Protein backbone atom coordinates (compact mmCIF):
# COMPACT_ATOMS: atom_id res chain seq x y z
CA UNK A 1 102.72 136.72 99.99
CA UNK A 2 99.85 139.28 101.16
CA UNK A 3 96.25 137.65 101.03
CA UNK A 4 94.92 140.63 101.85
CA UNK A 5 96.20 142.43 98.52
CA UNK A 6 92.93 143.64 96.84
CA UNK A 7 91.98 142.30 93.27
CA UNK A 8 91.59 144.98 90.84
CA UNK A 9 88.19 144.40 89.38
CA UNK A 10 89.22 145.57 85.85
CA UNK A 11 92.11 143.04 85.83
CA UNK A 12 89.72 140.04 85.46
CA UNK A 13 88.56 141.09 82.21
CA UNK A 14 92.19 141.46 80.83
CA UNK A 15 93.32 138.03 81.80
CA UNK A 16 93.64 135.34 79.29
CA UNK A 17 91.17 132.68 79.94
CA UNK A 18 93.53 129.88 78.71
CA UNK A 19 96.00 131.13 81.25
CA UNK A 20 93.63 131.24 83.99
CA UNK A 21 92.66 127.44 82.97
CA UNK A 22 96.20 126.33 83.20
CA UNK A 23 96.72 128.21 86.67
CA UNK A 24 93.85 126.42 88.11
CA UNK A 25 94.66 123.08 87.07
CA UNK A 26 98.06 123.35 88.04
CA UNK A 27 97.03 124.43 91.56
CA UNK A 28 94.45 121.70 91.52
CA UNK A 29 97.24 119.23 90.50
CA UNK A 30 99.43 120.11 93.52
CA UNK A 31 96.62 119.64 96.26
CA UNK A 32 96.62 115.70 95.34
CA UNK A 33 100.40 115.65 96.40
CA UNK A 34 100.69 115.08 100.11
CA UNK A 35 103.44 117.48 101.04
CA UNK A 36 100.62 120.27 99.90
CA UNK A 37 97.72 118.64 101.68
CA UNK A 38 97.79 120.83 104.63
CA UNK A 39 97.61 123.93 102.46
CA UNK A 40 94.50 122.59 100.59
CA UNK A 41 92.09 124.56 102.95
CA UNK A 42 93.90 128.03 101.82
CA UNK A 43 93.38 127.46 98.33
CA UNK A 44 91.44 130.61 97.76
CA UNK A 45 94.24 132.42 99.32
CA UNK A 46 96.96 131.05 97.22
CA UNK A 47 94.53 131.44 93.92
CA UNK A 48 93.88 134.91 94.49
CA UNK A 49 97.30 135.80 95.40
CA UNK A 50 98.54 134.13 92.04
CA UNK A 51 95.99 135.61 89.67
CA UNK A 52 97.30 139.15 91.12
CA UNK A 53 101.04 138.26 91.02
CA UNK A 54 101.27 136.49 87.70
CA UNK A 55 101.03 138.12 84.25
CA UNK A 56 98.01 136.25 83.06
CA UNK A 57 97.04 138.60 80.21
CA UNK A 58 98.61 136.96 77.02
CA UNK A 59 97.92 133.45 75.56
CA UNK A 60 100.32 130.83 76.74
CA UNK A 61 102.88 129.69 73.90
CA UNK A 62 103.21 126.20 72.93
CA UNK A 63 104.37 124.09 75.85
CA UNK A 64 104.49 127.10 78.02
CA UNK A 65 102.11 125.86 80.60
CA UNK A 66 105.50 124.29 82.51
CA UNK A 67 106.94 127.90 82.33
CA UNK A 68 103.78 128.90 84.22
CA UNK A 69 104.43 126.36 86.93
CA UNK A 70 108.09 127.67 87.44
CA UNK A 71 106.62 131.04 87.74
CA UNK A 72 104.21 129.66 90.68
CA UNK A 73 107.19 128.35 92.28
CA UNK A 74 109.10 131.66 91.97
CA UNK A 75 106.06 133.52 93.69
CA UNK A 76 105.93 130.92 96.29
CA UNK A 77 109.64 129.83 96.81
CA UNK A 78 108.97 127.72 99.94
CA UNK A 79 107.15 125.58 97.61
CA UNK A 80 109.93 125.10 95.24
CA UNK A 81 111.99 123.33 97.76
CA UNK A 82 109.84 120.07 97.09
CA UNK A 83 110.84 119.93 93.41
CA UNK A 84 114.74 120.99 93.53
CA UNK A 85 116.83 118.59 92.10
CA UNK A 86 120.49 119.39 91.94
CA UNK A 87 122.23 117.52 88.93
CA UNK A 88 126.13 117.04 88.30
CA UNK A 89 127.17 116.08 84.94
CA UNK A 90 130.50 114.36 84.14
CA UNK A 91 132.23 113.30 81.01
CA UNK A 92 135.27 111.75 79.81
CA UNK A 93 136.22 112.46 76.27
CA UNK A 94 136.87 109.27 74.46
CA UNK A 95 139.33 111.10 72.40
CA UNK A 96 141.65 113.11 74.51
CA UNK A 97 140.53 111.34 77.95
CA UNK A 98 139.94 114.84 79.51
CA UNK A 99 137.80 114.27 82.68
CA UNK A 100 135.32 117.11 83.49
CA UNK A 101 132.94 117.80 85.95
CA UNK A 102 130.38 120.74 85.50
CA UNK A 103 128.99 122.91 88.09
CA UNK A 104 125.76 121.44 89.96
CA UNK A 105 122.86 122.70 88.07
CA UNK A 106 119.29 123.21 90.00
CA UNK A 107 116.20 122.11 88.26
CA UNK A 108 112.58 121.77 88.94
CA UNK A 109 112.03 118.79 86.87
CA UNK A 110 112.99 117.34 83.11
CA UNK A 111 111.59 118.38 79.83
CA UNK A 112 111.01 115.59 77.64
CA UNK A 113 109.92 116.02 73.70
CA UNK A 114 106.49 114.09 73.62
CA UNK A 115 107.50 112.65 70.00
CA UNK A 116 110.73 111.17 71.04
CA UNK A 117 108.78 108.81 73.33
CA UNK A 118 107.05 107.16 70.17
CA UNK A 119 110.64 106.48 68.31
CA UNK A 120 110.37 102.62 67.43
CA UNK A 121 113.44 102.11 68.94
CA UNK A 122 112.01 102.35 72.19
CA UNK A 123 109.48 99.77 71.29
CA UNK A 124 110.13 97.46 74.37
CA UNK A 125 111.67 100.18 76.69
CA UNK A 126 110.11 101.11 80.02
CA UNK A 127 109.19 104.55 80.32
CA UNK A 128 112.08 105.31 83.02
CA UNK A 129 114.56 103.51 80.45
CA UNK A 130 113.29 105.83 77.71
CA UNK A 131 114.02 109.03 79.80
CA UNK A 132 117.17 107.49 80.56
CA UNK A 133 118.40 107.28 76.92
CA UNK A 134 116.84 110.35 75.91
CA UNK A 135 119.16 112.07 78.69
CA UNK A 136 122.10 109.99 77.72
CA UNK A 137 121.85 111.10 74.04
CA UNK A 138 122.16 114.66 74.92
CA UNK A 139 126.02 114.88 74.33
CA UNK A 140 127.95 117.69 74.98
CA UNK A 141 131.35 118.75 73.05
CA UNK A 142 134.77 118.33 74.94
CA UNK A 143 136.40 121.34 76.42
CA UNK A 144 139.99 120.94 75.53
CA UNK A 145 141.15 123.40 72.88
CA UNK A 146 141.39 121.44 69.69
CA UNK A 147 139.46 118.48 70.49
CA UNK A 148 135.74 119.44 70.73
CA UNK A 149 134.69 115.65 70.27
CA UNK A 150 131.02 114.91 71.15
CA UNK A 151 130.69 112.88 74.48
CA UNK A 152 127.89 111.29 76.32
CA UNK A 153 127.55 112.53 79.58
CA UNK A 154 127.04 110.79 82.76
CA UNK A 155 124.34 112.82 85.01
CA UNK A 156 123.96 112.30 88.90
CA UNK A 157 121.91 113.82 91.69
CA UNK A 158 122.82 114.36 94.97
CA UNK A 159 119.29 114.86 96.64
CA UNK A 160 115.87 113.27 95.95
CA UNK A 161 113.00 115.83 95.71
CA UNK A 162 109.84 115.04 97.38
CA UNK A 163 108.08 115.54 94.09
CA UNK A 164 109.92 114.25 90.76
CA UNK A 165 108.29 116.51 87.87
CA UNK A 166 108.21 115.65 84.26
CA UNK A 167 107.02 117.93 81.35
CA UNK A 168 106.06 116.93 77.73
CA UNK A 169 106.41 119.27 74.87
CA UNK A 170 104.00 118.85 71.96
CA UNK A 171 103.84 120.18 68.50
CA UNK A 172 99.96 121.10 68.78
CA UNK A 173 99.45 118.98 65.32
CA UNK A 174 99.76 115.50 66.85
CA UNK A 175 96.81 113.05 65.56
CA UNK A 176 94.78 111.20 68.24
CA UNK A 177 96.78 108.14 67.32
CA UNK A 178 100.00 109.91 68.46
CA UNK A 179 98.67 111.39 71.42
CA UNK A 180 97.38 107.68 72.50
CA UNK A 181 100.82 106.19 71.54
CA UNK A 182 102.60 108.82 73.71
CA UNK A 183 100.49 108.27 76.64
CA UNK A 184 100.48 104.57 76.39
CA UNK A 185 104.42 105.02 77.00
CA UNK A 186 103.81 106.66 80.32
CA UNK A 187 103.96 104.79 83.57
CA UNK A 188 102.43 105.31 86.90
CA UNK A 189 105.54 104.27 88.87
CA UNK A 190 109.35 105.08 88.06
CA UNK A 191 112.56 104.59 89.80
CA UNK A 192 114.71 107.82 89.54
CA UNK A 193 117.99 105.76 90.21
CA UNK A 194 117.13 104.48 86.57
CA UNK A 195 117.34 107.97 84.95
CA UNK A 196 120.00 109.22 87.33
CA UNK A 197 122.73 107.94 89.12
CA UNK A 198 122.38 108.47 92.87
CA UNK A 199 123.48 107.33 95.90
CA UNK A 200 120.13 107.51 97.86
CA UNK A 201 118.81 104.18 99.38
CA UNK A 202 116.70 102.61 96.95
CA UNK A 203 113.90 102.49 98.84
CA UNK A 204 113.74 106.20 98.41
CA UNK A 205 114.03 106.40 94.63
CA UNK A 206 110.71 104.73 93.49
CA UNK A 207 107.91 107.25 92.95
CA UNK A 208 104.55 107.14 91.82
CA UNK A 209 102.22 109.38 89.43
CA UNK A 210 99.71 111.32 91.59
CA UNK A 211 98.43 113.93 89.31
CA UNK A 212 98.75 115.28 85.42
CA UNK A 213 98.09 118.69 84.05
CA UNK A 214 96.25 118.12 80.66
CA UNK A 215 95.31 120.07 77.87
CA UNK A 216 92.77 119.76 75.40
CA UNK A 217 92.98 122.46 72.59
CA UNK A 218 93.05 125.80 74.62
CA UNK A 219 91.73 124.00 77.77
CA UNK A 220 93.29 122.58 80.73
CA UNK A 221 92.40 119.81 83.07
CA UNK A 222 93.74 117.96 85.76
CA UNK A 223 93.91 114.00 85.99
CA UNK A 224 94.38 112.87 89.79
CA UNK A 225 94.86 109.61 91.58
CA UNK A 226 92.45 110.12 94.65
CA UNK A 227 91.21 107.48 96.88
CA UNK A 228 93.30 104.72 95.51
CA UNK A 229 92.00 105.14 91.87
CA UNK A 230 92.13 107.75 88.83
CA UNK A 231 89.34 110.03 89.05
CA UNK A 232 88.07 108.55 85.63
CA UNK A 233 88.80 104.86 86.52
CA UNK A 234 91.79 103.05 86.04
CA UNK A 235 94.92 103.75 84.21
CA UNK A 236 94.00 102.14 81.10
CA UNK A 237 90.82 104.52 81.15
CA UNK A 238 93.23 107.37 81.54
CA UNK A 239 95.31 106.41 78.55
CA UNK A 240 91.85 105.70 76.33
CA UNK A 241 90.64 109.26 76.96
CA UNK A 242 93.87 110.57 75.75
CA UNK A 243 92.70 108.94 72.14
CA UNK A 244 88.76 109.56 72.42
CA UNK A 245 89.15 113.56 73.47
CA UNK A 246 92.84 114.33 72.38
CA UNK A 247 94.05 115.00 75.82
CA UNK A 248 97.92 115.89 75.82
CA UNK A 249 99.41 115.14 79.34
CA UNK A 250 101.78 118.29 79.93
CA UNK A 251 103.04 118.15 83.67
CA UNK A 252 103.41 114.99 85.18
CA UNK A 253 103.94 114.81 89.11
CA UNK A 254 105.54 111.63 90.71
CA UNK A 255 105.55 111.81 94.27
CA UNK A 256 107.91 109.34 96.42
CA UNK A 257 106.69 105.82 97.35
CA UNK A 258 108.51 106.04 100.65
CA UNK A 259 109.71 109.49 101.62
CA UNK A 260 112.84 109.57 103.14
CA UNK A 261 111.90 110.77 106.52
CA UNK A 262 112.52 114.44 107.57
CA UNK A 263 113.77 114.77 111.12
CA UNK A 264 112.93 117.87 113.38
CA UNK A 265 115.57 117.93 116.13
CA UNK A 266 113.84 119.99 119.14
CA UNK A 267 116.64 121.30 121.73
CA UNK A 268 115.08 120.58 125.14
CA UNK A 269 115.67 123.72 127.31
CA UNK A 270 112.78 125.27 129.49
CA UNK A 271 115.18 128.45 130.07
CA UNK A 272 116.45 129.73 126.86
CA UNK A 273 115.64 130.01 123.15
CA UNK A 274 118.20 131.14 120.27
CA UNK A 275 116.73 132.63 117.30
CA UNK A 276 114.03 129.72 117.72
CA UNK A 277 110.40 129.89 118.90
CA UNK A 278 109.36 130.98 122.54
CA UNK A 279 105.91 129.95 123.56
CA UNK A 280 104.51 131.94 126.84
CA UNK A 281 102.40 129.29 128.72
CA UNK A 282 101.33 130.93 131.94
CA UNK A 283 104.25 133.51 132.91
CA UNK A 284 103.86 136.98 134.89
CA UNK A 285 103.41 139.16 132.04
CA UNK A 286 104.00 142.23 134.11
CA UNK A 287 107.83 141.98 133.41
CA UNK A 288 106.96 142.63 129.80
CA UNK A 289 105.49 146.07 130.66
CA UNK A 290 109.27 147.25 131.17
CA UNK A 291 110.36 146.71 127.83
CA UNK A 292 109.46 146.74 123.98
CA UNK A 293 109.49 143.12 123.25
CA UNK A 294 111.28 142.28 119.94
CA UNK A 295 111.13 145.96 119.20
CA UNK A 296 107.49 146.24 118.41
CA UNK A 297 105.99 148.97 120.20
CA UNK A 298 102.38 148.76 119.56
CA UNK A 299 102.32 145.19 120.25
CA UNK A 300 101.71 143.56 123.28
CA UNK A 301 102.76 140.08 124.85
CA UNK A 302 100.40 137.35 125.62
CA UNK A 303 100.38 133.71 126.93
CA UNK A 304 98.19 130.76 126.17
CA UNK A 305 96.82 131.40 129.86
CA UNK A 306 95.48 134.79 129.14
CA UNK A 307 94.29 133.72 125.47
CA UNK A 308 92.22 130.48 126.34
CA UNK A 309 91.20 131.79 129.98
CA UNK A 310 91.06 128.28 130.98
CA UNK A 311 92.71 125.58 133.33
CA UNK A 312 95.79 124.60 131.35
CA UNK A 313 97.51 120.77 131.27
CA UNK A 314 100.93 120.34 132.45
CA UNK A 315 103.79 122.33 130.50
CA UNK A 316 105.03 118.73 129.31
CA UNK A 317 101.86 117.98 127.57
CA UNK A 318 101.70 121.52 125.65
CA UNK A 319 105.15 121.10 125.11
CA UNK A 320 104.57 117.86 123.34
CA UNK A 321 101.23 118.98 121.59
CA UNK A 322 103.02 122.13 120.01
CA UNK A 323 106.08 120.19 118.67
CA UNK A 324 103.53 117.50 117.15
CA UNK A 325 101.65 120.44 115.48
CA UNK A 326 104.82 122.12 114.11
CA UNK A 327 106.17 118.72 112.90
CA UNK A 328 102.84 118.10 110.98
CA UNK A 329 102.67 121.56 109.51
CA UNK A 330 106.10 121.20 108.02
CA UNK A 331 105.84 117.77 107.11
CA UNK A 332 108.31 116.11 109.38
CA UNK A 333 108.32 112.53 110.05
CA UNK A 334 110.41 112.06 112.96
CA UNK A 335 111.11 114.23 116.06
CA UNK A 336 114.08 114.03 118.01
CA UNK A 337 114.68 115.46 121.44
CA UNK A 338 118.13 116.94 122.29
CA UNK A 339 118.65 116.88 125.75
CA UNK A 340 122.25 118.47 126.01
CA UNK A 341 121.55 122.34 126.26
CA UNK A 342 125.14 122.81 124.40
CA UNK A 343 123.28 122.18 121.13
CA UNK A 344 121.38 125.60 121.45
CA UNK A 345 123.41 127.69 123.79
CA UNK A 346 126.45 129.73 122.35
CA UNK A 347 128.62 130.85 125.30
CA UNK A 348 132.23 132.66 125.41
CA UNK A 349 133.83 129.12 125.33
CA UNK A 350 132.08 127.83 122.16
CA UNK A 351 131.59 131.14 120.26
């Protein structure tokens, strides 16, 4: 991403207002997810970059706001890792008993037909169970030659994302009552282990709704959960406004209630770095004048002492503060110190 890339003045007039509205509300919805909280101050930079990088000149087609979200993840691939789900599909043919496992597929969320949530057969079902049944009903034919029987598919995931995403597809001609009936089925909490088979600890399979991208005709808006409440009141108020203003929830972002801790392992070695981070505290910089550091001839090596021109705390304190800041910036929960230098040093004996 190049934040210094200039904005072409004549491009703004060519951009479709609906596309820009959708982009704005997607970005706004993401800032309410904790893993993006540290990037919120850089919103103008991301916004300007995406305005330049994405094609926003044509009106959004029906239900294509989720495609726009996928385009954002493609433009900012580091963000995609928070939404990735790797799904494995297995089936056993009821006729020929052939057992087949399909290759793992990567996705960034589920796409559900909004009308399917209103089916009378689901009257007493929870939202997560409705989604489970919808996915189960996506049958696949047997691959054995001469069989071809349609079979239910067992779907499993081997990872839990930081953010579980569900996109709803609408026909755009729903009545206010149908929109309300659909919104009434939605839930603010889901258990992913109900929708998929997964081996994860059930403490980490529960997710809560933190924000939604919604549409109102050609306009888009964000409904978010902030400061322990929805921005327009309680959840019943959110559902009611779907009726009174014909607002359609389009993308639902669920965040893990108890994220599986991400661990940052820090090799403890004061002498060597291997494809890692070297942080100069107060070395003799004269040695660096005899080389071209990192192959960059027009840049100089500096140190914390030179940049701050102040009395520094001990190296141990600086080390701990640096690691703490890195862990926070990359959303790690635990820091593990590796005292054994063999974990980072490659020698002729273990190469």
